[in-house]
Amino acid sequence: MREQWVNYLIDVPAAGLYQITMAAACINVDQLLEIFSGETRLSVVDIPLSYGIWLDTKPVELKLKKGIQTLRVQTPKSINYENHKRGIALRSFGLRLK
């Protein structure tokens, strides 16, 4: 597959700037996940090489609207097929109002 994604339905209590962190495990270097709301890319998360051990990513900022919405977490569309990002396991993520 050239792209892989998962959608999360969330209910944002207040509009504003949030920080997201992910608990991820990765077996390859230079891995990224993009976060979208609809067609709008909100942020890119660097996934550290963890040799398959769960680690938390560094927090990145997202500007979210109040209310129910779908966040899509996906592998980047902008990469070459030969260098497709793979080997990422995502256990959970947390959002915190900044």
N, C-alpha and C. Protein backbone atom coordinates (compact mmCIF):
# COMPACT_ATOMS: atom_id res chain seq x y z
N MET A 1 0.84 -1.19 0.00
CA MET A 1 0.00 0.00 0.00
C MET A 1 0.88 1.24 0.00
N ARG A 2 0.53 2.20 -0.81
CA ARG A 2 1.29 3.45 -0.83
C ARG A 2 0.96 4.32 0.37
N GLU A 3 -0.25 4.23 0.86
CA GLU A 3 -0.66 5.03 2.02
C GLU A 3 -1.33 4.11 3.04
N GLN A 4 -1.16 4.47 4.28
CA GLN A 4 -1.87 3.79 5.35
C GLN A 4 -2.39 4.85 6.29
N TRP A 5 -3.58 4.65 6.82
CA TRP A 5 -4.18 5.67 7.67
C TRP A 5 -5.15 5.02 8.65
N VAL A 6 -5.48 5.81 9.65
CA VAL A 6 -6.52 5.45 10.59
C VAL A 6 -7.24 6.74 10.97
N ASN A 7 -8.55 6.66 11.07
CA ASN A 7 -9.37 7.81 11.45
C ASN A 7 -9.81 7.69 12.90
N TYR A 8 -9.79 8.80 13.60
CA TYR A 8 -10.24 8.87 14.98
C TYR A 8 -11.31 9.94 15.09
N LEU A 9 -12.45 9.57 15.61
CA LEU A 9 -13.53 10.52 15.87
C LEU A 9 -13.32 11.08 17.28
N ILE A 10 -13.16 12.40 17.37
CA ILE A 10 -12.90 13.03 18.66
C ILE A 10 -13.90 14.16 18.89
N ASP A 11 -14.12 14.49 20.14
CA ASP A 11 -14.98 15.62 20.52
C ASP A 11 -14.10 16.61 21.28
N VAL A 12 -13.76 17.71 20.61
CA VAL A 12 -12.87 18.72 21.17
C VAL A 12 -13.70 19.66 22.05
N PRO A 13 -13.37 19.79 23.34
CA PRO A 13 -14.19 20.60 24.24
C PRO A 13 -14.10 22.10 24.01
N ALA A 14 -12.97 22.57 23.50
CA ALA A 14 -12.79 24.01 23.27
C ALA A 14 -11.83 24.21 22.10
N ALA A 15 -12.12 25.19 21.26
CA ALA A 15 -11.22 25.50 20.16
C ALA A 15 -9.91 26.03 20.73
N GLY A 16 -8.82 25.72 20.03
CA GLY A 16 -7.54 26.25 20.49
C GLY A 16 -6.37 25.44 20.00
N LEU A 17 -5.23 25.74 20.59
CA LEU A 17 -3.99 25.07 20.24
C LEU A 17 -3.79 23.91 21.21
N TYR A 18 -3.61 22.73 20.65
CA TYR A 18 -3.42 21.51 21.42
C TYR A 18 -2.05 20.94 21.12
N GLN A 19 -1.55 20.15 22.05
CA GLN A 19 -0.34 19.38 21.82
C GLN A 19 -0.73 17.91 21.74
N ILE A 20 -0.14 17.21 20.77
CA ILE A 20 -0.37 15.79 20.64
C ILE A 20 0.94 15.06 20.85
N THR A 21 0.87 13.95 21.58
CA THR A 21 1.99 13.02 21.71
C THR A 21 1.44 11.64 21.36
N MET A 22 2.30 10.81 20.82
CA MET A 22 1.91 9.46 20.42
C MET A 22 2.81 8.44 21.10
N ALA A 23 2.23 7.33 21.50
CA ALA A 23 3.00 6.18 21.95
C ALA A 23 3.17 5.29 20.73
N ALA A 24 4.40 5.21 20.23
CA ALA A 24 4.66 4.50 18.99
C ALA A 24 5.89 3.62 19.13
N ALA A 25 5.92 2.58 18.31
CA ALA A 25 7.09 1.72 18.18
C ALA A 25 7.47 1.69 16.71
N CYS A 26 8.77 1.72 16.44
CA CYS A 26 9.21 1.84 15.05
C CYS A 26 10.50 1.05 14.84
N ILE A 27 10.59 0.40 13.69
CA ILE A 27 11.78 -0.40 13.39
C ILE A 27 12.61 0.18 12.24
N ASN A 28 12.25 1.36 11.75
CA ASN A 28 12.98 2.01 10.66
C ASN A 28 13.27 3.46 11.03
N VAL A 29 14.30 4.02 10.41
CA VAL A 29 14.67 5.41 10.67
C VAL A 29 13.84 6.35 9.79
N ASP A 30 13.81 7.63 10.18
CA ASP A 30 13.19 8.71 9.40
C ASP A 30 11.71 8.48 9.11
N GLN A 31 10.97 8.05 10.11
CA GLN A 31 9.55 7.79 9.92
C GLN A 31 8.73 9.00 10.37
N LEU A 32 7.65 9.26 9.66
CA LEU A 32 6.76 10.38 9.93
C LEU A 32 5.31 9.91 9.86
N LEU A 33 4.46 10.59 10.60
CA LEU A 33 3.02 10.46 10.44
C LEU A 33 2.44 11.86 10.30
N GLU A 34 1.51 12.02 9.37
CA GLU A 34 0.83 13.30 9.18
C GLU A 34 -0.53 13.22 9.87
N ILE A 35 -0.98 14.37 10.37
CA ILE A 35 -2.30 14.45 10.99
C ILE A 35 -3.14 15.42 10.20
N PHE A 36 -4.31 14.95 9.78
CA PHE A 36 -5.23 15.75 8.97
C PHE A 36 -6.58 15.88 9.67
N SER A 37 -7.24 16.98 9.36
CA SER A 37 -8.67 17.16 9.64
C SER A 37 -9.28 17.51 8.29
N GLY A 38 -10.05 16.59 7.73
CA GLY A 38 -10.54 16.78 6.37
C GLY A 38 -9.36 16.79 5.42
N GLU A 39 -9.28 17.80 4.56
CA GLU A 39 -8.17 17.92 3.61
C GLU A 39 -7.02 18.77 4.15
N THR A 40 -7.17 19.28 5.37
CA THR A 40 -6.18 20.17 5.95
C THR A 40 -5.16 19.40 6.78
N ARG A 41 -3.89 19.53 6.40
CA ARG A 41 -2.84 18.91 7.20
C ARG A 41 -2.57 19.82 8.40
N LEU A 42 -2.73 19.26 9.59
CA LEU A 42 -2.56 20.01 10.82
C LEU A 42 -1.13 19.96 11.34
N SER A 43 -0.46 18.81 11.15
CA SER A 43 0.87 18.67 11.70
C SER A 43 1.54 17.42 11.17
N VAL A 44 2.84 17.34 11.43
CA VAL A 44 3.64 16.15 11.10
C VAL A 44 4.35 15.73 12.38
N VAL A 45 4.28 14.44 12.68
CA VAL A 45 4.91 13.89 13.88
C VAL A 45 6.10 13.04 13.47
N ASP A 46 7.26 13.35 14.01
CA ASP A 46 8.45 12.50 13.81
C ASP A 46 8.33 11.29 14.72
N ILE A 47 8.48 10.10 14.13
CA ILE A 47 8.42 8.87 14.90
C ILE A 47 9.85 8.37 15.09
N PRO A 48 10.33 8.34 16.35
CA PRO A 48 11.72 7.96 16.57
C PRO A 48 11.94 6.45 16.37
N LEU A 49 13.12 6.10 15.90
CA LEU A 49 13.52 4.70 15.82
C LEU A 49 13.59 4.16 17.25
N SER A 50 12.79 3.15 17.54
CA SER A 50 12.75 2.62 18.91
C SER A 50 13.07 1.13 18.97
N TYR A 51 13.41 0.55 17.81
CA TYR A 51 13.72 -0.88 17.74
C TYR A 51 12.56 -1.72 18.27
N GLY A 52 11.33 -1.23 18.06
CA GLY A 52 10.13 -1.96 18.44
C GLY A 52 9.67 -1.74 19.87
N ILE A 53 10.35 -0.89 20.62
CA ILE A 53 9.95 -0.59 22.00
C ILE A 53 9.05 0.65 21.98
N TRP A 54 8.00 0.65 22.78
CA TRP A 54 7.08 1.79 22.83
C TRP A 54 7.79 3.01 23.40
N LEU A 55 7.72 4.11 22.66
CA LEU A 55 8.25 5.40 23.11
C LEU A 55 7.22 6.48 22.82
N ASP A 56 7.26 7.55 23.61
CA ASP A 56 6.41 8.71 23.33
C ASP A 56 7.15 9.64 22.38
N THR A 57 6.41 10.18 21.43
CA THR A 57 6.97 11.15 20.51
C THR A 57 7.11 12.50 21.22
N LYS A 58 7.89 13.38 20.61
CA LYS A 58 7.92 14.75 21.10
C LYS A 58 6.58 15.39 20.78
N PRO A 59 6.07 16.28 21.65
CA PRO A 59 4.78 16.91 21.37
C PRO A 59 4.86 17.84 20.16
N VAL A 60 3.79 17.83 19.37
CA VAL A 60 3.64 18.78 18.27
C VAL A 60 2.29 19.47 18.44
N GLU A 61 2.16 20.64 17.84
CA GLU A 61 0.96 21.45 18.03
C GLU A 61 -0.05 21.24 16.91
N LEU A 62 -1.32 21.25 17.30
CA LEU A 62 -2.45 21.18 16.38
C LEU A 62 -3.42 22.30 16.73
N LYS A 63 -3.93 22.99 15.75
CA LYS A 63 -4.99 23.98 15.98
C LYS A 63 -6.31 23.29 15.66
N LEU A 64 -7.14 23.12 16.70
CA LEU A 64 -8.38 22.38 16.54
C LEU A 64 -9.59 23.26 16.79
N LYS A 65 -10.66 22.96 16.08
CA LYS A 65 -11.95 23.62 16.28
C LYS A 65 -12.71 22.87 17.36
N LYS A 66 -13.65 23.57 17.97
CA LYS A 66 -14.51 22.94 18.97
C LYS A 66 -15.48 22.00 18.28
N GLY A 67 -15.77 20.87 18.95
CA GLY A 67 -16.80 19.97 18.47
C GLY A 67 -16.29 18.64 17.97
N ILE A 68 -17.21 17.86 17.47
CA ILE A 68 -16.91 16.52 16.97
C ILE A 68 -16.26 16.64 15.60
N GLN A 69 -15.15 15.93 15.43
CA GLN A 69 -14.43 15.94 14.16
C GLN A 69 -13.61 14.66 14.03
N THR A 70 -13.18 14.41 12.82
CA THR A 70 -12.37 13.23 12.54
C THR A 70 -10.94 13.66 12.28
N LEU A 71 -10.02 13.09 13.05
CA LEU A 71 -8.60 13.27 12.79
C LEU A 71 -8.11 12.04 12.04
N ARG A 72 -7.35 12.26 10.98
CA ARG A 72 -6.74 11.16 10.23
C ARG A 72 -5.24 11.18 10.50
N VAL A 73 -4.71 10.05 10.94
CA VAL A 73 -3.28 9.86 11.12
C VAL A 73 -2.84 8.96 9.98
N GLN A 74 -1.86 9.42 9.19
CA GLN A 74 -1.49 8.65 8.00
C GLN A 74 -0.01 8.76 7.69
N THR A 75 0.45 7.81 6.89
CA THR A 75 1.80 7.91 6.35
C THR A 75 1.78 9.01 5.30
N PRO A 76 2.89 9.69 5.09
CA PRO A 76 2.91 10.82 4.15
C PRO A 76 2.62 10.39 2.71
N LYS A 77 1.89 11.25 2.01
CA LYS A 77 1.59 11.02 0.60
C LYS A 77 2.73 11.50 -0.29
N SER A 78 3.59 12.35 0.25
CA SER A 78 4.59 13.04 -0.56
C SER A 78 5.89 12.28 -0.73
N ILE A 79 5.93 11.01 -0.39
CA ILE A 79 7.17 10.25 -0.48
C ILE A 79 7.17 9.32 -1.69
N ASN A 80 8.35 8.94 -2.11
CA ASN A 80 8.47 7.99 -3.22
C ASN A 80 8.05 6.60 -2.75
N TYR A 81 7.47 5.84 -3.66
CA TYR A 81 7.02 4.49 -3.33
C TYR A 81 8.18 3.63 -2.82
N GLU A 82 9.37 3.76 -3.43
CA GLU A 82 10.51 2.94 -3.02
C GLU A 82 10.91 3.22 -1.58
N ASN A 83 10.68 4.44 -1.11
CA ASN A 83 11.06 4.83 0.24
C ASN A 83 9.85 4.89 1.17
N HIS A 84 8.83 4.12 0.84
CA HIS A 84 7.59 4.16 1.61
C HIS A 84 7.85 3.95 3.10
N LYS A 85 7.21 4.75 3.90
CA LYS A 85 7.37 4.66 5.34
C LYS A 85 6.64 3.43 5.85
N ARG A 86 7.33 2.64 6.65
CA ARG A 86 6.73 1.42 7.16
C ARG A 86 7.39 1.05 8.49
N GLY A 87 6.78 0.09 9.14
CA GLY A 87 7.34 -0.38 10.39
C GLY A 87 6.95 0.46 11.58
N ILE A 88 5.80 1.16 11.50
CA ILE A 88 5.32 1.98 12.61
C ILE A 88 4.12 1.30 13.25
N ALA A 89 4.15 1.18 14.56
CA ALA A 89 2.99 0.72 15.33
C ALA A 89 2.58 1.87 16.25
N LEU A 90 1.32 2.21 16.21
CA LEU A 90 0.80 3.31 17.03
C LEU A 90 -0.13 2.70 18.08
N ARG A 91 0.22 2.88 19.35
CA ARG A 91 -0.58 2.32 20.45
C ARG A 91 -1.65 3.30 20.91
N SER A 92 -1.27 4.58 21.03
CA SER A 92 -2.23 5.57 21.52
C SER A 92 -1.70 6.97 21.23
N PHE A 93 -2.57 7.95 21.43
CA PHE A 93 -2.12 9.33 21.39
C PHE A 93 -2.89 10.12 22.43
N GLY A 94 -2.30 11.23 22.84
CA GLY A 94 -2.94 12.09 23.82
C GLY A 94 -2.96 13.51 23.33
N LEU A 95 -4.08 14.19 23.58
CA LEU A 95 -4.21 15.60 23.22
C LEU A 95 -4.33 16.40 24.51
N ARG A 96 -3.64 17.54 24.53
CA ARG A 96 -3.69 18.41 25.71
C ARG A 96 -3.78 19.85 25.25
N LEU A 97 -4.73 20.59 25.80
CA LEU A 97 -4.86 22.01 25.47
C LEU A 97 -3.62 22.74 25.94
N LYS A 98 -3.03 23.53 25.04
CA LYS A 98 -1.81 24.23 25.37
C LYS A 98 -2.11 25.53 26.08
